[in-house]
Amino acid sequence: MGSTRTVMFSSFSSRMSYKGQLSSSSQVQNVKTRPRIEEIREKRVAIFEKELKRQQSLVTRLEKIEVQYQGLNDENTQLIMNKAVSTPFNCAQHLSELLTKQSVVAEVNGELWDMHRPLEVDCSLKLFHFKENISQQAFLVNKVFWRSCSFILGAVIENAFQDNVSVVLHSFPSANVRSGSFVYDVQLGLSSWEPSTNDYRLLSTAFHQFFKHGYTFQRLDVDSNLALEMFTDNIFKAEQIPDIASNSTSGRSVTLYRVGDHIDISRGPMIGSTSVFSRCSIPAVHKLDNGLYRFQGVALPSDLFVNHFAYGILESRARKLNFSFQNPARIPELNASPATVK
């Protein structure tokens, strides 16, 4: 992802440009000088890549594992893959081109699993797509898609404003497809801001431009101290990391995801790639009582098509304030009913 920043929103010039002018300087709150977002992202990416290489270097020799793929119509295929190296995506490549293109998320030994997350032991494998016939599986796939949308929304917002406007990502609630919108809560260094129609259009365009790159979601589990080093510039993430780590299996681990040059915290799982998107809109931004701005969006994957009228209904629903809780997203269990999964 390049470092060019697209300026948008009514506090800036109304046209899309690389440099805009504030229409009212009084909107910008006095905040301490902080690094440019390009510098912040470069630092995070450098730490991420260094840790990724360190973890990869721990695999000193290749060990084989057995993967039992369970497909449609009781199709069973045994694959011999490389432990801690091969991923569900690699398995799909051995099976068929269609599976490689359509698979959104995997199930490994009954647990939802990222398509590009290395397999660790002998396992059973299922690959899910957007047109699952089993309602429970379809529900879980939709949650993974919605969570990924929130993640990307954070990336878009963080890069949308000029450097004199402080943008600090707070969090996104647990994915709730029934709410009608995916969400990201953000602290902005603006005393008041009401987006115009053109602002929403530009935001939606930025989201579309982002997913057009076909970025892969990279997952990395890191020690909490490393996560704190990465997010020293974000007071909210720094406060959240110790609690997230304490609730991990090891008591000190935090899961990060990288898309392009954007890195954020989430337990996941996420979709395999941003190439699965077809339509998206950011139709609402609400000022919350706690001072944060809640950005809300709606999107569709490329496998699903609705006409303009139907999509307009989805956009209208997404404009309503989403009251989803701000609890960190957790990995849903496949044996839980849709009504009980949060």
C-alpha atoms as a PDB file:
ATOM      1  CA  MET A   1       0.000   0.000   0.000  1.00  0.00           C
ATOM      2  CA  GLY A   2       1.469   3.329  -1.023  1.00  0.00           C
ATOM      3  CA  SER A   3       1.937   6.240   1.293  1.00  0.00           C
ATOM      4  CA  THR A   4      -0.191   8.686  -0.746  1.00  0.00           C
ATOM      5  CA  ARG A   5      -3.002  10.005   1.422  1.00  0.00           C
ATOM      6  CA  THR A   6      -6.417  10.860   0.028  1.00  0.00           C
ATOM      7  CA  VAL A   7      -7.916  13.835   1.833  1.00  0.00           C
ATOM      8  CA  MET A   8     -11.645  13.712   2.397  1.00  0.00           C
ATOM      9  CA  PHE A   9     -14.452  14.990   4.604  1.00  0.00           C
ATOM     10  CA  SER A  10     -16.127  18.343   4.988  1.00  0.00           C
ATOM     11  CA  SER A  11     -13.422  19.699   7.292  1.00  0.00           C
ATOM     12  CA  PHE A  12     -11.232  19.614   4.213  1.00  0.00           C
ATOM     13  CA  SER A  13     -11.695  20.609   0.603  1.00  0.00           C
ATOM     14  CA  SER A  14     -14.810  18.983  -0.829  1.00  0.00           C
ATOM     15  CA  ARG A  15     -12.997  17.477  -3.811  1.00  0.00           C
ATOM     16  CA  MET A  16     -10.741  14.433  -3.692  1.00  0.00           C
ATOM     17  CA  SER A  17      -7.185  15.727  -3.703  1.00  0.00           C
ATOM     18  CA  TYR A  18      -3.808  15.050  -2.195  1.00  0.00           C
ATOM     19  CA  LYS A  19      -3.798  18.318  -0.263  1.00  0.00           C
ATOM     20  CA  GLY A  20      -6.926  19.943   1.114  1.00  0.00           C
ATOM     21  CA  GLN A  21      -7.673  23.029   3.165  1.00  0.00           C
ATOM     22  CA  LEU A  22      -9.658  23.107   6.392  1.00  0.00           C
ATOM     23  CA  SER A  23     -12.930  24.942   5.915  1.00  0.00           C
ATOM     24  CA  SER A  24     -12.913  25.795   9.643  1.00  0.00           C
ATOM     25  CA  SER A  25      -9.664  25.649  11.579  1.00  0.00           C
ATOM     26  CA  SER A  26     -11.642  25.856  14.828  1.00  0.00           C
ATOM     27  CA  GLN A  27     -12.715  22.248  14.300  1.00  0.00           C
ATOM     28  CA  VAL A  28      -9.194  20.997  14.931  1.00  0.00           C
ATOM     29  CA  GLN A  29      -8.508  20.434  18.600  1.00  0.00           C
ATOM     30  CA  ASN A  30      -5.144  21.258  20.119  1.00  0.00           C
ATOM     31  CA  VAL A  31      -3.314  17.948  20.395  1.00  0.00           C
ATOM     32  CA  LYS A  32       0.262  16.988  21.061  1.00  0.00           C
ATOM     33  CA  THR A  33       2.353  16.566  17.954  1.00  0.00           C
ATOM     34  CA  ARG A  34       2.368  12.896  17.002  1.00  0.00           C
ATOM     35  CA  PRO A  35       4.170  10.987  14.233  1.00  0.00           C
ATOM     36  CA  ARG A  36       2.658  10.880  10.757  1.00  0.00           C
ATOM     37  CA  ILE A  37       0.607   7.766  10.098  1.00  0.00           C
ATOM     38  CA  GLU A  38       3.134   6.690   7.443  1.00  0.00           C
ATOM     39  CA  GLU A  39       5.880   6.719  10.086  1.00  0.00           C
ATOM     40  CA  ILE A  40       3.699   4.833  12.563  1.00  0.00           C
ATOM     41  CA  ARG A  41       2.843   2.185  10.012  1.00  0.00           C
ATOM     42  CA  GLU A  42       6.451   1.807   8.884  1.00  0.00           C
ATOM     43  CA  LYS A  43       7.476   1.171  12.489  1.00  0.00           C
ATOM     44  CA  ARG A  44       4.724  -1.407  13.023  1.00  0.00           C
ATOM     45  CA  VAL A  45       5.469  -3.202   9.765  1.00  0.00           C
ATOM     46  CA  ALA A  46       9.184  -3.367  10.599  1.00  0.00           C
ATOM     47  CA  ILE A  47       8.440  -4.930  14.000  1.00  0.00           C
ATOM     48  CA  PHE A  48       5.899  -7.318  12.444  1.00  0.00           C
ATOM     49  CA  GLU A  49       8.260  -8.518   9.712  1.00  0.00           C
ATOM     50  CA  LYS A  50      11.159  -8.963  12.129  1.00  0.00           C
ATOM     51  CA  GLU A  51       9.030 -11.099  14.462  1.00  0.00           C
ATOM     52  CA  LEU A  52       7.571 -13.079  11.547  1.00  0.00           C
ATOM     53  CA  LYS A  53      11.069 -13.924  10.305  1.00  0.00           C
ATOM     54  CA  ARG A  54      12.125 -14.888  13.825  1.00  0.00           C
ATOM     55  CA  GLN A  55       9.211 -17.276  14.190  1.00  0.00           C
ATOM     56  CA  GLN A  56       9.780 -18.744  10.737  1.00  0.00           C
ATOM     57  CA  SER A  57      13.440 -19.351  11.594  1.00  0.00           C
ATOM     58  CA  LEU A  58      12.324 -21.634  14.446  1.00  0.00           C
ATOM     59  CA  VAL A  59      11.219 -24.188  11.843  1.00  0.00           C
ATOM     60  CA  THR A  60      14.654 -25.731  11.304  1.00  0.00           C
ATOM     61  CA  ARG A  61      13.481 -28.813   9.409  1.00  0.00           C
ATOM     62  CA  LEU A  62      10.328 -29.782   7.586  1.00  0.00           C
ATOM     63  CA  GLU A  63       8.069 -32.326   9.243  1.00  0.00           C
ATOM     64  CA  LYS A  64       5.144 -33.926   7.476  1.00  0.00           C
ATOM     65  CA  ILE A  65       1.569 -33.926   8.745  1.00  0.00           C
ATOM     66  CA  GLU A  66      -1.562 -35.658   7.462  1.00  0.00           C
ATOM     67  CA  VAL A  67      -4.486 -33.449   6.489  1.00  0.00           C
ATOM     68  CA  GLN A  68      -7.844 -35.139   5.951  1.00  0.00           C
ATOM     69  CA  TYR A  69      -9.876 -32.890   3.677  1.00  0.00           C
ATOM     70  CA  GLN A  70     -13.635 -33.328   4.039  1.00  0.00           C
ATOM     71  CA  GLY A  71     -15.495 -31.961   1.040  1.00  0.00           C
ATOM     72  CA  LEU A  72     -18.986 -32.092  -0.429  1.00  0.00           C
ATOM     73  CA  ASN A  73     -20.870 -35.361  -0.839  1.00  0.00           C
ATOM     74  CA  ASP A  74     -18.616 -37.109   1.695  1.00  0.00           C
ATOM     75  CA  GLU A  75     -15.573 -36.421  -0.459  1.00  0.00           C
ATOM     76  CA  ASN A  76     -12.438 -37.291   1.527  1.00  0.00           C
ATOM     77  CA  THR A  77      -8.909 -36.585   0.387  1.00  0.00           C
ATOM     78  CA  GLN A  78      -5.708 -37.164   2.307  1.00  0.00           C
ATOM     79  CA  LEU A  79      -2.972 -34.592   1.858  1.00  0.00           C
ATOM     80  CA  ILE A  80       0.606 -34.766   3.119  1.00  0.00           C
ATOM     81  CA  MET A  81       1.641 -31.229   4.035  1.00  0.00           C
ATOM     82  CA  ASN A  82       4.450 -29.449   5.865  1.00  0.00           C
ATOM     83  CA  LYS A  83       3.979 -28.796   9.586  1.00  0.00           C
ATOM     84  CA  ALA A  84       4.051 -25.112  10.614  1.00  0.00           C
ATOM     85  CA  VAL A  85       4.513 -24.096   6.966  1.00  0.00           C
ATOM     86  CA  SER A  86       1.553 -25.307   4.887  1.00  0.00           C
ATOM     87  CA  THR A  87      -1.776 -23.505   5.199  1.00  0.00           C
ATOM     88  CA  PRO A  88      -5.400 -24.281   4.288  1.00  0.00           C
ATOM     89  CA  PHE A  89      -4.843 -22.125   1.200  1.00  0.00           C
ATOM     90  CA  ASN A  90      -1.954 -24.404   0.169  1.00  0.00           C
ATOM     91  CA  CYS A  91      -4.235 -27.405   0.678  1.00  0.00           C
ATOM     92  CA  ALA A  92      -6.866 -25.798  -1.553  1.00  0.00           C
ATOM     93  CA  GLN A  93      -4.210 -25.313  -4.236  1.00  0.00           C
ATOM     94  CA  HIS A  94      -3.621 -29.081  -4.232  1.00  0.00           C
ATOM     95  CA  LEU A  95      -7.337 -29.814  -4.498  1.00  0.00           C
ATOM     96  CA  SER A  96      -8.772 -27.544  -7.195  1.00  0.00           C
ATOM     97  CA  GLU A  97      -8.589 -24.072  -8.685  1.00  0.00           C
ATOM     98  CA  LEU A  98     -12.250 -23.487  -7.773  1.00  0.00           C
ATOM     99  CA  LEU A  99     -11.613 -24.196  -4.081  1.00  0.00           C
ATOM    100  CA  THR A 100      -8.597 -21.903  -4.159  1.00  0.00           C
ATOM    101  CA  LYS A 101     -10.706 -19.029  -5.491  1.00  0.00           C
ATOM    102  CA  GLN A 102     -13.892 -19.582  -3.470  1.00  0.00           C
ATOM    103  CA  SER A 103     -12.641 -20.577  -0.013  1.00  0.00           C
ATOM    104  CA  VAL A 104     -13.040 -17.793   2.540  1.00  0.00           C
ATOM    105  CA  VAL A 105     -12.138 -19.477   5.839  1.00  0.00           C
ATOM    106  CA  ALA A 106     -11.259 -22.986   6.987  1.00  0.00           C
ATOM    107  CA  GLU A 107     -12.288 -25.310   9.787  1.00  0.00           C
ATOM    108  CA  VAL A 108      -9.349 -27.217  11.267  1.00  0.00           C
ATOM    109  CA  ASN A 109     -10.180 -29.928  13.810  1.00  0.00           C
ATOM    110  CA  GLY A 110     -13.498 -28.169  14.445  1.00  0.00           C
ATOM    111  CA  GLU A 111     -11.999 -24.702  14.918  1.00  0.00           C
ATOM    112  CA  LEU A 112     -12.374 -21.784  12.504  1.00  0.00           C
ATOM    113  CA  TRP A 113      -8.970 -21.150  10.959  1.00  0.00           C
ATOM    114  CA  ASP A 114      -7.472 -18.461   8.714  1.00  0.00           C
ATOM    115  CA  MET A 115      -6.750 -19.535   5.138  1.00  0.00           C
ATOM    116  CA  HIS A 116      -3.116 -18.384   5.421  1.00  0.00           C
ATOM    117  CA  ARG A 117      -2.445 -19.601   8.970  1.00  0.00           C
ATOM    118  CA  PRO A 118       0.048 -22.509   9.078  1.00  0.00           C
ATOM    119  CA  LEU A 119      -1.249 -25.918  10.145  1.00  0.00           C
ATOM    120  CA  GLU A 120       0.354 -27.246  13.310  1.00  0.00           C
ATOM    121  CA  VAL A 121      -0.663 -30.922  13.684  1.00  0.00           C
ATOM    122  CA  ASP A 122      -2.369 -33.800  11.877  1.00  0.00           C
ATOM    123  CA  CYS A 123      -5.871 -32.528  11.287  1.00  0.00           C
ATOM    124  CA  SER A 124      -9.209 -32.630   9.555  1.00  0.00           C
ATOM    125  CA  LEU A 125      -9.924 -29.777   7.164  1.00  0.00           C
ATOM    126  CA  LYS A 126     -13.050 -28.180   5.752  1.00  0.00           C
ATOM    127  CA  LEU A 127     -13.132 -25.155   3.480  1.00  0.00           C
ATOM    128  CA  PHE A 128     -16.053 -22.713   3.672  1.00  0.00           C
ATOM    129  CA  HIS A 129     -17.317 -20.235   1.065  1.00  0.00           C
ATOM    130  CA  PHE A 130     -20.036 -17.581   0.852  1.00  0.00           C
ATOM    131  CA  LYS A 131     -22.746 -19.877  -0.526  1.00  0.00           C
ATOM    132  CA  GLU A 132     -22.787 -22.543   2.168  1.00  0.00           C
ATOM    133  CA  ASN A 133     -26.024 -24.563   2.234  1.00  0.00           C
ATOM    134  CA  ILE A 134     -25.759 -25.289   5.964  1.00  0.00           C
ATOM    135  CA  SER A 135     -27.136 -22.233   7.757  1.00  0.00           C
ATOM    136  CA  GLN A 136     -24.793 -22.486  10.726  1.00  0.00           C
ATOM    137  CA  GLN A 137     -21.711 -22.534   8.516  1.00  0.00           C
ATOM    138  CA  ALA A 138     -23.084 -19.663   6.423  1.00  0.00           C
ATOM    139  CA  PHE A 139     -23.682 -17.674   9.613  1.00  0.00           C
ATOM    140  CA  LEU A 140     -20.079 -18.136  10.746  1.00  0.00           C
ATOM    141  CA  VAL A 141     -18.665 -17.262   7.322  1.00  0.00           C
ATOM    142  CA  ASN A 142     -20.693 -14.040   7.353  1.00  0.00           C
ATOM    143  CA  LYS A 143     -19.299 -13.152  10.797  1.00  0.00           C
ATOM    144  CA  VAL A 144     -15.748 -13.655   9.517  1.00  0.00           C
ATOM    145  CA  PHE A 145     -16.520 -11.398   6.542  1.00  0.00           C
ATOM    146  CA  TRP A 146     -18.098  -8.703   8.764  1.00  0.00           C
ATOM    147  CA  ARG A 147     -15.128  -8.779  11.170  1.00  0.00           C
ATOM    148  CA  SER A 148     -12.744  -8.381   8.234  1.00  0.00           C
ATOM    149  CA  CYS A 149     -14.797  -5.426   6.982  1.00  0.00           C
ATOM    150  CA  SER A 150     -14.385  -3.666  10.344  1.00  0.00           C
ATOM    151  CA  PHE A 151     -10.652  -4.308  10.208  1.00  0.00           C
ATOM    152  CA  ILE A 152     -10.360  -2.748   6.740  1.00  0.00           C
ATOM    153  CA  LEU A 153     -12.576   0.168   7.783  1.00  0.00           C
ATOM    154  CA  GLY A 154     -10.011   0.975  10.470  1.00  0.00           C
ATOM    155  CA  ALA A 155      -7.254   0.976   7.857  1.00  0.00           C
ATOM    156  CA  VAL A 156      -9.217   3.351   5.634  1.00  0.00           C
ATOM    157  CA  ILE A 157     -10.116   5.791   8.433  1.00  0.00           C
ATOM    158  CA  GLU A 158      -6.586   5.904   9.824  1.00  0.00           C
ATOM    159  CA  ASN A 159      -5.254   7.026   6.445  1.00  0.00           C
ATOM    160  CA  ALA A 160      -8.070   9.404   5.482  1.00  0.00           C
ATOM    161  CA  PHE A 161      -7.353  12.626   7.367  1.00  0.00           C
ATOM    162  CA  GLN A 162      -4.550  15.141   7.038  1.00  0.00           C
ATOM    163  CA  ASP A 163      -1.699  15.124   9.528  1.00  0.00           C
ATOM    164  CA  ASN A 164      -3.062  18.043  11.583  1.00  0.00           C
ATOM    165  CA  VAL A 165      -6.084  15.923  12.577  1.00  0.00           C
ATOM    166  CA  SER A 166      -5.340  13.302  15.214  1.00  0.00           C
ATOM    167  CA  VAL A 167      -6.864   9.907  14.350  1.00  0.00           C
ATOM    168  CA  VAL A 168      -6.640   7.203  17.036  1.00  0.00           C
ATOM    169  CA  LEU A 169      -8.349   3.866  16.408  1.00  0.00           C
ATOM    170  CA  HIS A 170     -10.169   2.574  19.472  1.00  0.00           C
ATOM    171  CA  SER A 171     -11.800  -0.783  18.681  1.00  0.00           C
ATOM    172  CA  PHE A 172     -14.505  -2.555  16.722  1.00  0.00           C
ATOM    173  CA  PRO A 173     -17.297  -4.542  18.386  1.00  0.00           C
ATOM    174  CA  SER A 174     -17.771  -8.262  17.955  1.00  0.00           C
ATOM    175  CA  ALA A 175     -19.073  -8.966  14.455  1.00  0.00           C
ATOM    176  CA  ASN A 176     -22.863  -8.853  14.415  1.00  0.00           C
ATOM    177  CA  VAL A 177     -24.256  -9.282  10.904  1.00  0.00           C
ATOM    178  CA  ARG A 178     -27.830  -8.858  12.133  1.00  0.00           C
ATOM    179  CA  SER A 179     -27.018  -5.306  13.273  1.00  0.00           C
ATOM    180  CA  GLY A 180     -26.945  -4.227   9.621  1.00  0.00           C
ATOM    181  CA  SER A 181     -23.504  -2.618   9.631  1.00  0.00           C
ATOM    182  CA  PHE A 182     -19.876  -3.288  10.423  1.00  0.00           C
ATOM    183  CA  VAL A 183     -18.292  -0.765  12.770  1.00  0.00           C
ATOM    184  CA  TYR A 184     -15.104   0.932  13.924  1.00  0.00           C
ATOM    185  CA  ASP A 185     -14.945   3.408  16.822  1.00  0.00           C
ATOM    186  CA  VAL A 186     -12.382   6.180  16.455  1.00  0.00           C
ATOM    187  CA  GLN A 187     -11.150   9.206  18.387  1.00  0.00           C
ATOM    188  CA  LEU A 188     -10.786  12.225  16.103  1.00  0.00           C
ATOM    189  CA  GLY A 189      -9.005  15.456  16.931  1.00  0.00           C
ATOM    190  CA  LEU A 190     -12.029  17.460  15.792  1.00  0.00           C
ATOM    191  CA  SER A 191     -14.287  19.335  18.196  1.00  0.00           C
ATOM    192  CA  SER A 192     -17.275  18.650  15.968  1.00  0.00           C
ATOM    193  CA  TRP A 193     -17.678  17.016  12.602  1.00  0.00           C
ATOM    194  CA  GLU A 194     -20.730  16.189  10.544  1.00  0.00           C
ATOM    195  CA  PRO A 195     -19.786  14.387   7.314  1.00  0.00           C
ATOM    196  CA  SER A 196     -21.367  15.599   4.097  1.00  0.00           C
ATOM    197  CA  THR A 197     -22.818  13.404   1.356  1.00  0.00           C
ATOM    198  CA  ASN A 198     -19.591  13.873  -0.572  1.00  0.00           C
ATOM    199  CA  ASP A 199     -17.551  12.806   2.465  1.00  0.00           C
ATOM    200  CA  TYR A 200     -19.425   9.511   2.590  1.00  0.00           C
ATOM    201  CA  ARG A 201     -18.878   9.006  -1.115  1.00  0.00           C
ATOM    202  CA  LEU A 202     -15.148   9.599  -0.770  1.00  0.00           C
ATOM    203  CA  LEU A 203     -14.927   7.277   2.233  1.00  0.00           C
ATOM    204  CA  SER A 204     -16.674   4.533   0.293  1.00  0.00           C
ATOM    205  CA  THR A 205     -14.343   5.114  -2.652  1.00  0.00           C
ATOM    206  CA  ALA A 206     -11.302   4.789  -0.388  1.00  0.00           C
ATOM    207  CA  PHE A 207     -12.648   1.483   0.959  1.00  0.00           C
ATOM    208  CA  HIS A 208     -13.178   0.244  -2.607  1.00  0.00           C
ATOM    209  CA  GLN A 209      -9.672   1.300  -3.634  1.00  0.00           C
ATOM    210  CA  PHE A 210      -8.234  -0.542  -0.649  1.00  0.00           C
ATOM    211  CA  PHE A 211      -9.842  -3.924  -1.312  1.00  0.00           C
ATOM    212  CA  LYS A 212      -9.067  -3.660  -5.044  1.00  0.00           C
ATOM    213  CA  HIS A 213      -5.414  -4.422  -4.236  1.00  0.00           C
ATOM    214  CA  GLY A 214      -6.284  -7.995  -3.269  1.00  0.00           C
ATOM    215  CA  TYR A 215      -4.270  -7.890  -0.048  1.00  0.00           C
ATOM    216  CA  THR A 216      -3.762 -11.106   1.919  1.00  0.00           C
ATOM    217  CA  PHE A 217      -4.614 -11.162   5.628  1.00  0.00           C
ATOM    218  CA  GLN A 218      -1.499 -12.176   7.587  1.00  0.00           C
ATOM    219  CA  ARG A 219      -1.941 -13.476  11.133  1.00  0.00           C
ATOM    220  CA  LEU A 220       0.798 -13.366  13.760  1.00  0.00           C
ATOM    221  CA  ASP A 221       0.631 -14.284  17.456  1.00  0.00           C
ATOM    222  CA  VAL A 222       3.113 -12.218  19.458  1.00  0.00           C
ATOM    223  CA  ASP A 223       4.156 -11.635  23.060  1.00  0.00           C
ATOM    224  CA  SER A 224       2.249  -8.821  24.752  1.00  0.00           C
ATOM    225  CA  ASN A 225       5.450  -6.825  25.268  1.00  0.00           C
ATOM    226  CA  LEU A 226       6.057  -6.801  21.523  1.00  0.00           C
ATOM    227  CA  ALA A 227       2.458  -5.741  20.917  1.00  0.00           C
ATOM    228  CA  LEU A 228       2.892  -2.876  23.396  1.00  0.00           C
ATOM    229  CA  GLU A 229       6.046  -1.780  21.576  1.00  0.00           C
ATOM    230  CA  MET A 230       4.132  -1.770  18.315  1.00  0.00           C
ATOM    231  CA  PHE A 231       1.230   0.302  19.669  1.00  0.00           C
ATOM    232  CA  THR A 232       3.027   2.793  21.917  1.00  0.00           C
ATOM    233  CA  ASP A 233       1.447   5.594  19.874  1.00  0.00           C
ATOM    234  CA  ASN A 234      -2.136   4.380  20.509  1.00  0.00           C
ATOM    235  CA  ILE A 235      -3.307   4.872  24.099  1.00  0.00           C
ATOM    236  CA  PHE A 236      -6.410   2.732  23.604  1.00  0.00           C
ATOM    237  CA  LYS A 237      -4.583  -0.281  22.167  1.00  0.00           C
ATOM    238  CA  ALA A 238      -1.915   0.021  24.860  1.00  0.00           C
ATOM    239  CA  GLU A 239      -4.636  -0.164  27.523  1.00  0.00           C
ATOM    240  CA  GLN A 240      -6.376  -3.100  25.840  1.00  0.00           C
ATOM    241  CA  ILE A 241      -3.303  -5.288  25.230  1.00  0.00           C
ATOM    242  CA  PRO A 242      -2.660  -6.463  28.839  1.00  0.00           C
ATOM    243  CA  ASP A 243      -6.285  -7.571  29.234  1.00  0.00           C
ATOM    244  CA  ILE A 244      -6.296  -9.295  25.843  1.00  0.00           C
ATOM    245  CA  ALA A 245      -3.065 -11.105  26.680  1.00  0.00           C
ATOM    246  CA  SER A 246      -4.292 -12.225  30.107  1.00  0.00           C
ATOM    247  CA  ASN A 247      -7.262 -13.918  28.447  1.00  0.00           C
ATOM    248  CA  SER A 248      -5.129 -15.781  25.902  1.00  0.00           C
ATOM    249  CA  THR A 249      -4.201 -19.457  26.287  1.00  0.00           C
ATOM    250  CA  SER A 250      -0.632 -18.609  27.290  1.00  0.00           C
ATOM    251  CA  GLY A 251      -1.636 -15.614  29.387  1.00  0.00           C
ATOM    252  CA  ARG A 252       0.728 -13.324  27.468  1.00  0.00           C
ATOM    253  CA  SER A 253      -0.133 -13.628  23.771  1.00  0.00           C
ATOM    254  CA  VAL A 254      -1.801 -11.115  21.440  1.00  0.00           C
ATOM    255  CA  THR A 255      -2.988 -11.870  17.912  1.00  0.00           C
ATOM    256  CA  LEU A 256      -2.191  -9.334  15.207  1.00  0.00           C
ATOM    257  CA  TYR A 257      -3.294  -9.121  11.599  1.00  0.00           C
ATOM    258  CA  ARG A 258      -1.617  -7.283   8.760  1.00  0.00           C
ATOM    259  CA  VAL A 259      -3.292  -6.156   5.520  1.00  0.00           C
ATOM    260  CA  GLY A 260      -1.077  -4.108   3.238  1.00  0.00           C
ATOM    261  CA  ASP A 261       0.800  -1.799   5.615  1.00  0.00           C
ATOM    262  CA  HIS A 262      -2.012  -1.714   8.182  1.00  0.00           C
ATOM    263  CA  ILE A 263      -1.679  -3.748  11.393  1.00  0.00           C
ATOM    264  CA  ASP A 264      -4.302  -4.107  14.107  1.00  0.00           C
ATOM    265  CA  ILE A 265      -5.369  -6.387  16.945  1.00  0.00           C
ATOM    266  CA  SER A 266      -8.049  -9.057  16.583  1.00  0.00           C
ATOM    267  CA  ARG A 267      -8.526 -12.664  17.640  1.00  0.00           C
ATOM    268  CA  GLY A 268      -9.887 -13.365  14.171  1.00  0.00           C
ATOM    269  CA  PRO A 269     -10.252 -15.335  12.085  1.00  0.00           C
ATOM    270  CA  MET A 270     -10.350 -13.136   8.982  1.00  0.00           C
ATOM    271  CA  ILE A 271     -11.083 -13.749   5.323  1.00  0.00           C
ATOM    272  CA  GLY A 272      -8.153 -14.900   3.206  1.00  0.00           C
ATOM    273  CA  SER A 273      -7.948 -11.885   0.915  1.00  0.00           C
ATOM    274  CA  THR A 274      -9.572  -8.521   0.195  1.00  0.00           C
ATOM    275  CA  SER A 275     -10.214  -9.726  -3.371  1.00  0.00           C
ATOM    276  CA  VAL A 276     -13.536 -11.271  -2.258  1.00  0.00           C
ATOM    277  CA  PHE A 277     -15.269  -7.853  -2.063  1.00  0.00           C
ATOM    278  CA  SER A 278     -17.620  -6.518  -4.729  1.00  0.00           C
ATOM    279  CA  ARG A 279     -19.586  -3.591  -3.247  1.00  0.00           C
ATOM    280  CA  CYS A 280     -19.145  -1.428  -0.179  1.00  0.00           C
ATOM    281  CA  SER A 281     -20.484   1.791   1.327  1.00  0.00           C
ATOM    282  CA  ILE A 282     -19.738   3.851   4.418  1.00  0.00           C
ATOM    283  CA  PRO A 283     -23.149   5.521   4.898  1.00  0.00           C
ATOM    284  CA  ALA A 284     -22.952   6.712   8.527  1.00  0.00           C
ATOM    285  CA  VAL A 285     -20.721   8.251  11.178  1.00  0.00           C
ATOM    286  CA  HIS A 286     -22.243   8.812  14.639  1.00  0.00           C
ATOM    287  CA  LYS A 287     -20.782  10.869  17.497  1.00  0.00           C
ATOM    288  CA  LEU A 288     -21.058   8.729  20.639  1.00  0.00           C
ATOM    289  CA  ASP A 289     -21.624   9.969  24.184  1.00  0.00           C
ATOM    290  CA  ASN A 290     -18.039   9.027  25.124  1.00  0.00           C
ATOM    291  CA  GLY A 291     -16.658  11.367  22.457  1.00  0.00           C
ATOM    292  CA  LEU A 292     -15.703   8.666  19.962  1.00  0.00           C
ATOM    293  CA  TYR A 293     -16.977   8.615  16.393  1.00  0.00           C
ATOM    294  CA  ARG A 294     -18.625   5.378  15.257  1.00  0.00           C
ATOM    295  CA  PHE A 295     -18.026   4.723  11.554  1.00  0.00           C
ATOM    296  CA  GLN A 296     -20.502   2.270  10.023  1.00  0.00           C
ATOM    297  CA  GLY A 297     -20.362   0.413   6.713  1.00  0.00           C
ATOM    298  CA  VAL A 298     -22.034  -2.266   4.630  1.00  0.00           C
ATOM    299  CA  ALA A 299     -20.446  -4.522   2.020  1.00  0.00           C
ATOM    300  CA  LEU A 300     -21.096  -7.555  -0.154  1.00  0.00           C
ATOM    301  CA  PRO A 301     -18.724 -10.310  -1.289  1.00  0.00           C
ATOM    302  CA  SER A 302     -18.198 -10.934  -4.991  1.00  0.00           C
ATOM    303  CA  ASP A 303     -20.150 -14.224  -4.847  1.00  0.00           C
ATOM    304  CA  LEU A 304     -23.357 -12.412  -3.875  1.00  0.00           C
ATOM    305  CA  PHE A 305     -25.261 -10.036  -6.126  1.00  0.00           C
ATOM    306  CA  VAL A 306     -28.198  -7.765  -5.335  1.00  0.00           C
ATOM    307  CA  ASN A 307     -29.772  -5.100  -7.514  1.00  0.00           C
ATOM    308  CA  HIS A 308     -29.443  -1.380  -6.895  1.00  0.00           C
ATOM    309  CA  PHE A 309     -32.776  -1.099  -5.085  1.00  0.00           C
ATOM    310  CA  ALA A 310     -32.013  -3.953  -2.677  1.00  0.00           C
ATOM    311  CA  TYR A 311     -28.548  -2.578  -1.959  1.00  0.00           C
ATOM    312  CA  GLY A 312     -30.131   0.789  -1.199  1.00  0.00           C
ATOM    313  CA  ILE A 313     -32.225  -0.897   1.496  1.00  0.00           C
ATOM    314  CA  LEU A 314     -29.044  -2.349   3.017  1.00  0.00           C
ATOM    315  CA  GLU A 315     -27.446   1.108   3.009  1.00  0.00           C
ATOM    316  CA  SER A 316     -30.501   2.661   4.655  1.00  0.00           C
ATOM    317  CA  ARG A 317     -30.397   0.067   7.412  1.00  0.00           C
ATOM    318  CA  ALA A 318     -26.664   0.617   7.906  1.00  0.00           C
ATOM    319  CA  ARG A 319     -27.244   4.330   8.606  1.00  0.00           C
ATOM    320  CA  LYS A 320     -29.005   3.586  11.888  1.00  0.00           C
ATOM    321  CA  LEU A 321     -26.791   3.801  14.975  1.00  0.00           C
ATOM    322  CA  ASN A 322     -25.295   0.372  15.623  1.00  0.00           C
ATOM    323  CA  PHE A 323     -25.588  -0.406  19.338  1.00  0.00           C
ATOM    324  CA  SER A 324     -23.268  -3.442  19.232  1.00  0.00           C
ATOM    325  CA  PHE A 325     -21.167  -3.840  22.349  1.00  0.00           C
ATOM    326  CA  GLN A 326     -17.476  -2.992  22.247  1.00  0.00           C
ATOM    327  CA  ASN A 327     -16.351  -6.397  23.535  1.00  0.00           C
ATOM    328  CA  PRO A 328     -13.361  -7.915  21.696  1.00  0.00           C
ATOM    329  CA  ALA A 329     -14.390 -10.387  19.018  1.00  0.00           C
ATOM    330  CA  ARG A 330     -13.963 -14.026  19.958  1.00  0.00           C
ATOM    331  CA  ILE A 331     -13.719 -17.108  17.795  1.00  0.00           C
ATOM    332  CA  PRO A 332     -17.196 -18.683  17.649  1.00  0.00           C
ATOM    333  CA  GLU A 333     -17.602 -22.371  18.333  1.00  0.00           C
ATOM    334  CA  LEU A 334     -19.069 -24.475  15.548  1.00  0.00           C
ATOM    335  CA  ASN A 335     -21.314 -26.349  17.983  1.00  0.00           C
ATOM    336  CA  ALA A 336     -22.940 -23.139  19.179  1.00  0.00           C
ATOM    337  CA  SER A 337     -26.218 -21.995  17.706  1.00  0.00           C
ATOM    338  CA  PRO A 338     -26.312 -18.662  15.811  1.00  0.00           C
ATOM    339  CA  ALA A 339     -28.528 -17.212  18.552  1.00  0.00           C
ATOM    340  CA  THR A 340     -25.843 -17.710  21.205  1.00  0.00           C
ATOM    341  CA  VAL A 341     -22.713 -16.759  19.280  1.00  0.00           C
ATOM    342  CA  LYS A 342     -21.596 -13.185  19.976  1.00  0.00           C
END
